Protein backbone atom coordinates (compact mmCIF):
# COMPACT_ATOMS: atom_id res chain seq x y z
CA MET A 1 223.29 122.19 184.12
CA PRO A 2 223.97 118.93 185.09
CA LYS A 3 222.97 119.16 188.44
CA ARG A 4 219.78 121.05 187.76
CA LYS A 5 219.35 117.53 186.32
CA ALA A 6 220.15 115.76 188.62
CA GLU A 7 218.05 117.25 191.19
CA SER A 8 214.72 116.59 189.14
CA GLN A 9 215.40 113.12 188.09
CA GLY A 10 212.64 111.37 189.02
CA LYS A 11 210.56 113.60 189.93
CA THR A 12 207.01 113.27 188.73
CA CYS A 13 205.45 117.38 187.46
CA ASN A 14 201.45 115.99 188.60
CA ILE A 15 200.18 119.16 185.66
CA CYS A 16 201.85 117.75 182.92
CA LEU A 17 202.70 114.49 183.63
CA ASP A 18 206.16 114.27 182.95
CA THR A 19 210.21 114.17 184.24
CA VAL A 20 210.02 117.60 186.11
CA LYS A 21 212.28 120.75 183.92
CA ASN A 22 213.07 123.74 185.71
CA GLU A 23 212.11 122.23 188.77
CA ALA A 24 209.69 125.04 190.94
CA THR A 25 208.45 124.86 194.25
CA LEU A 26 205.88 126.67 196.24
CA ASP A 27 206.01 129.03 199.11
CA GLY A 28 202.97 126.72 200.57
CA CYS A 29 203.67 123.24 200.46
CA THR A 30 206.29 121.03 199.09
CA HIS A 31 205.21 119.87 196.35
CA THR A 32 207.25 120.24 193.28
CA PHE A 33 206.38 120.71 189.02
CA CYS A 34 207.79 122.27 185.78
CA ARG A 35 208.93 125.66 186.07
CA LYS A 36 206.74 126.80 183.43
CA CYS A 37 204.06 124.02 184.40
CA ILE A 38 203.32 125.58 188.02
CA VAL A 39 203.55 129.57 186.29
CA LYS A 40 201.04 128.47 183.34
CA TRP A 41 199.28 127.17 186.59
CA SER A 42 198.71 130.35 188.74
CA LYS A 43 197.24 132.33 185.85
CA THR A 44 193.96 131.58 186.44
CA SER A 45 194.63 129.92 189.88
CA ASN A 46 197.17 130.41 192.92
CA THR A 47 196.42 127.27 195.00
CA CYS A 48 198.91 124.13 195.02
CA PRO A 49 197.18 121.68 192.38
CA CYS A 50 197.90 118.80 194.65
CA CYS A 51 196.84 120.41 198.11
CA ARG A 52 195.35 123.39 197.25
CA LYS A 53 197.47 125.17 199.60
CA GLU A 54 197.04 128.89 198.89
CA PHE A 55 201.10 130.10 196.89
CA THR A 56 202.40 133.52 195.95
CA GLU A 57 205.91 132.15 194.96
CA VAL A 58 206.80 129.95 192.71
CA LYS A 59 210.55 129.31 193.61
CA THR A 60 213.17 127.67 191.40
CA ALA A 61 217.28 127.05 191.92
CA LYS A 62 217.96 130.41 190.34
CA SER A 63 214.60 132.19 190.94
CA LYS A 64 211.80 133.44 192.67
CA ARG A 65 208.91 135.11 191.08
CA LYS A 66 205.94 136.68 193.10
CA ILE A 67 202.56 135.46 191.93
CA LYS A 68 199.67 137.65 192.39
CA ARG A 69 196.65 136.72 193.54
CA ALA A 70 194.46 134.54 191.28
CA ARG A 71 190.99 136.34 190.44
CA GLN A 72 188.25 133.60 189.56
CA ARG A 73 186.67 134.05 186.34
CA GLU A 74 183.82 131.17 185.60
CA GLU A 75 185.79 129.46 183.39
CA ASP A 76 188.47 129.04 185.94
CA ASP A 77 186.69 127.31 188.18
CA PRO A 78 188.23 124.47 189.33
CA GLN A 79 186.11 121.70 188.72
CA PHE A 80 186.71 123.29 184.27
CA ILE A 81 190.03 123.79 184.86
CA VAL A 82 190.29 120.33 185.91
CA GLY A 83 187.66 118.71 182.77
CA GLU A 84 190.08 120.27 180.56
CA PHE A 85 193.24 119.45 182.42
CA LEU A 86 191.03 115.67 182.03
CA MET A 87 190.29 116.58 178.72
CA GLU A 88 194.04 117.51 177.30
CA THR A 89 195.08 114.30 178.87
CA LEU A 90 192.29 112.27 176.91
CA SER A 91 194.00 113.68 174.09
CA ARG A 92 197.81 112.60 175.35
CA PHE A 93 196.73 109.55 175.82
CA ILE A 94 194.68 108.83 172.94
CA ALA A 95 197.31 109.57 170.79
CA SER A 96 200.55 108.77 172.15
CA ASP A 97 201.84 105.38 173.31
CA SER A 98 204.92 106.82 174.77
CA PHE A 99 201.99 108.73 177.29
CA LYS A 100 199.65 105.55 177.97
CA VAL A 101 202.96 103.36 178.66
CA MET A 102 204.26 106.34 180.87
CA VAL A 103 200.83 106.10 182.37
CA ALA A 104 200.41 102.50 182.99
CA GLU A 105 203.90 102.52 185.34
CA ARG A 106 202.96 105.55 187.32
CA PHE A 107 199.89 103.97 187.53
CA LEU A 108 201.10 100.23 188.42
CA LEU A 109 204.75 101.03 190.87
CA GLN A 110 204.01 104.46 192.02
CA PRO A 111 200.20 104.55 193.17
CA ASP A 112 199.07 107.54 194.42
CA PRO A 113 195.94 109.64 194.80
CA THR A 114 196.36 111.67 192.12
CA ILE A 115 197.38 109.28 188.80
CA HIS A 116 194.46 106.85 190.62
CA PHE A 117 192.02 110.05 189.87
CA ILE A 118 193.54 110.15 186.60
CA CYS A 119 193.48 106.95 185.80
CA ARG A 120 189.63 106.17 186.58
CA GLN A 121 188.54 109.38 184.60
CA LEU A 122 189.85 108.06 181.65
CA ARG A 123 188.83 104.70 181.85
CA ARG A 124 185.46 106.56 182.66
CA TYR A 125 185.81 108.57 179.40
CA LEU A 126 187.18 106.18 177.14
CA ASN A 127 183.88 104.50 178.00
CA ASN A 128 181.43 107.14 177.33
CA SER A 129 179.88 106.44 174.26
CA ASP A 130 178.31 109.74 172.48
CA LEU A 131 181.88 110.94 174.74
CA MET A 132 183.76 108.67 171.32
CA ASP A 133 181.31 108.96 169.27
CA HIS A 134 181.89 112.61 169.64
CA ILE A 135 185.60 112.48 169.22
CA ILE A 136 185.43 109.77 166.96
CA SER A 137 183.58 112.83 163.96
CA ILE A 138 186.25 115.15 164.75
CA ASN A 139 189.05 112.38 163.81
CA GLU A 140 189.19 111.26 161.01
CA GLU A 141 191.81 108.80 159.83
CA GLY A 142 192.77 106.20 162.56
CA ALA A 143 191.22 107.11 165.57
CA VAL A 144 189.43 103.52 166.01
CA GLU A 145 191.47 102.39 166.11
CA GLN A 146 193.48 104.84 168.66
CA LEU A 147 191.39 104.73 170.43
CA GLN A 148 190.92 101.02 170.89
CA ARG A 149 193.76 100.93 172.13
CA ALA A 150 193.93 103.32 174.20
CA ARG A 151 190.39 101.80 175.78
CA ASP A 152 192.87 98.44 175.82
CA ALA A 153 195.67 100.09 177.71
CA ILE A 154 192.94 101.35 180.50
CA GLU A 155 191.50 98.09 180.37
CA ALA A 156 195.30 95.95 180.80
CA MET A 157 196.12 98.45 184.03
CA TYR A 158 192.80 97.64 185.82
CA ARG A 159 193.33 93.98 184.58
CA THR A 160 196.74 93.91 185.95
CA ALA A 161 196.67 96.40 188.83
CA PRO A 162 197.59 94.98 192.66
CA GLY A 163 194.30 93.61 194.03
CA SER A 164 192.17 93.38 190.65
CA GLU A 165 190.71 89.94 190.06
CA GLU A 166 193.92 88.54 187.33
CA ASN A 167 196.25 89.59 190.27
CA PRO A 168 194.77 89.19 194.26
CA ILE A 169 196.14 90.23 197.30
CA SER A 170 196.65 87.24 199.48
CA ILE A 171 197.07 87.93 203.17
CA THR A 172 198.50 84.77 205.39
CA ILE A 173 197.74 84.95 209.08
């Protein structure tokens, strides 16, 4: 058991954005995910969430699982899936301070295109007054304070990011 934990130590699943649990790889590329996350993903799409290469097999240290070609229905359209993923991520970002910290650390310390895309979308959503009014109307107690903390967190991330006004990059020639 400890061997498996050591394998995925420090790796982040690009689906759930948490530490990889039960590391799984695909036969079409080299990206790694939580087994549970990629199997759930494969029910709607058999392309890698990171690079979009098609895969037919999910492999873990102990097993291989054949994946049937996913038939896309309207609600399984990649645009729909990304939207649902971003809304779920937004909910977690608003509700969980530990999730905010994890996203900020990844954004500032391990920058990659995926986390930057997610953070740009979170920032856009958090600054969309119609969407925020809708969320406030659904969730009663503490919603306004949670939203303000989430807005403050995302803005702080962008203010302190390398290259920002508060943290300029200087080049000496």
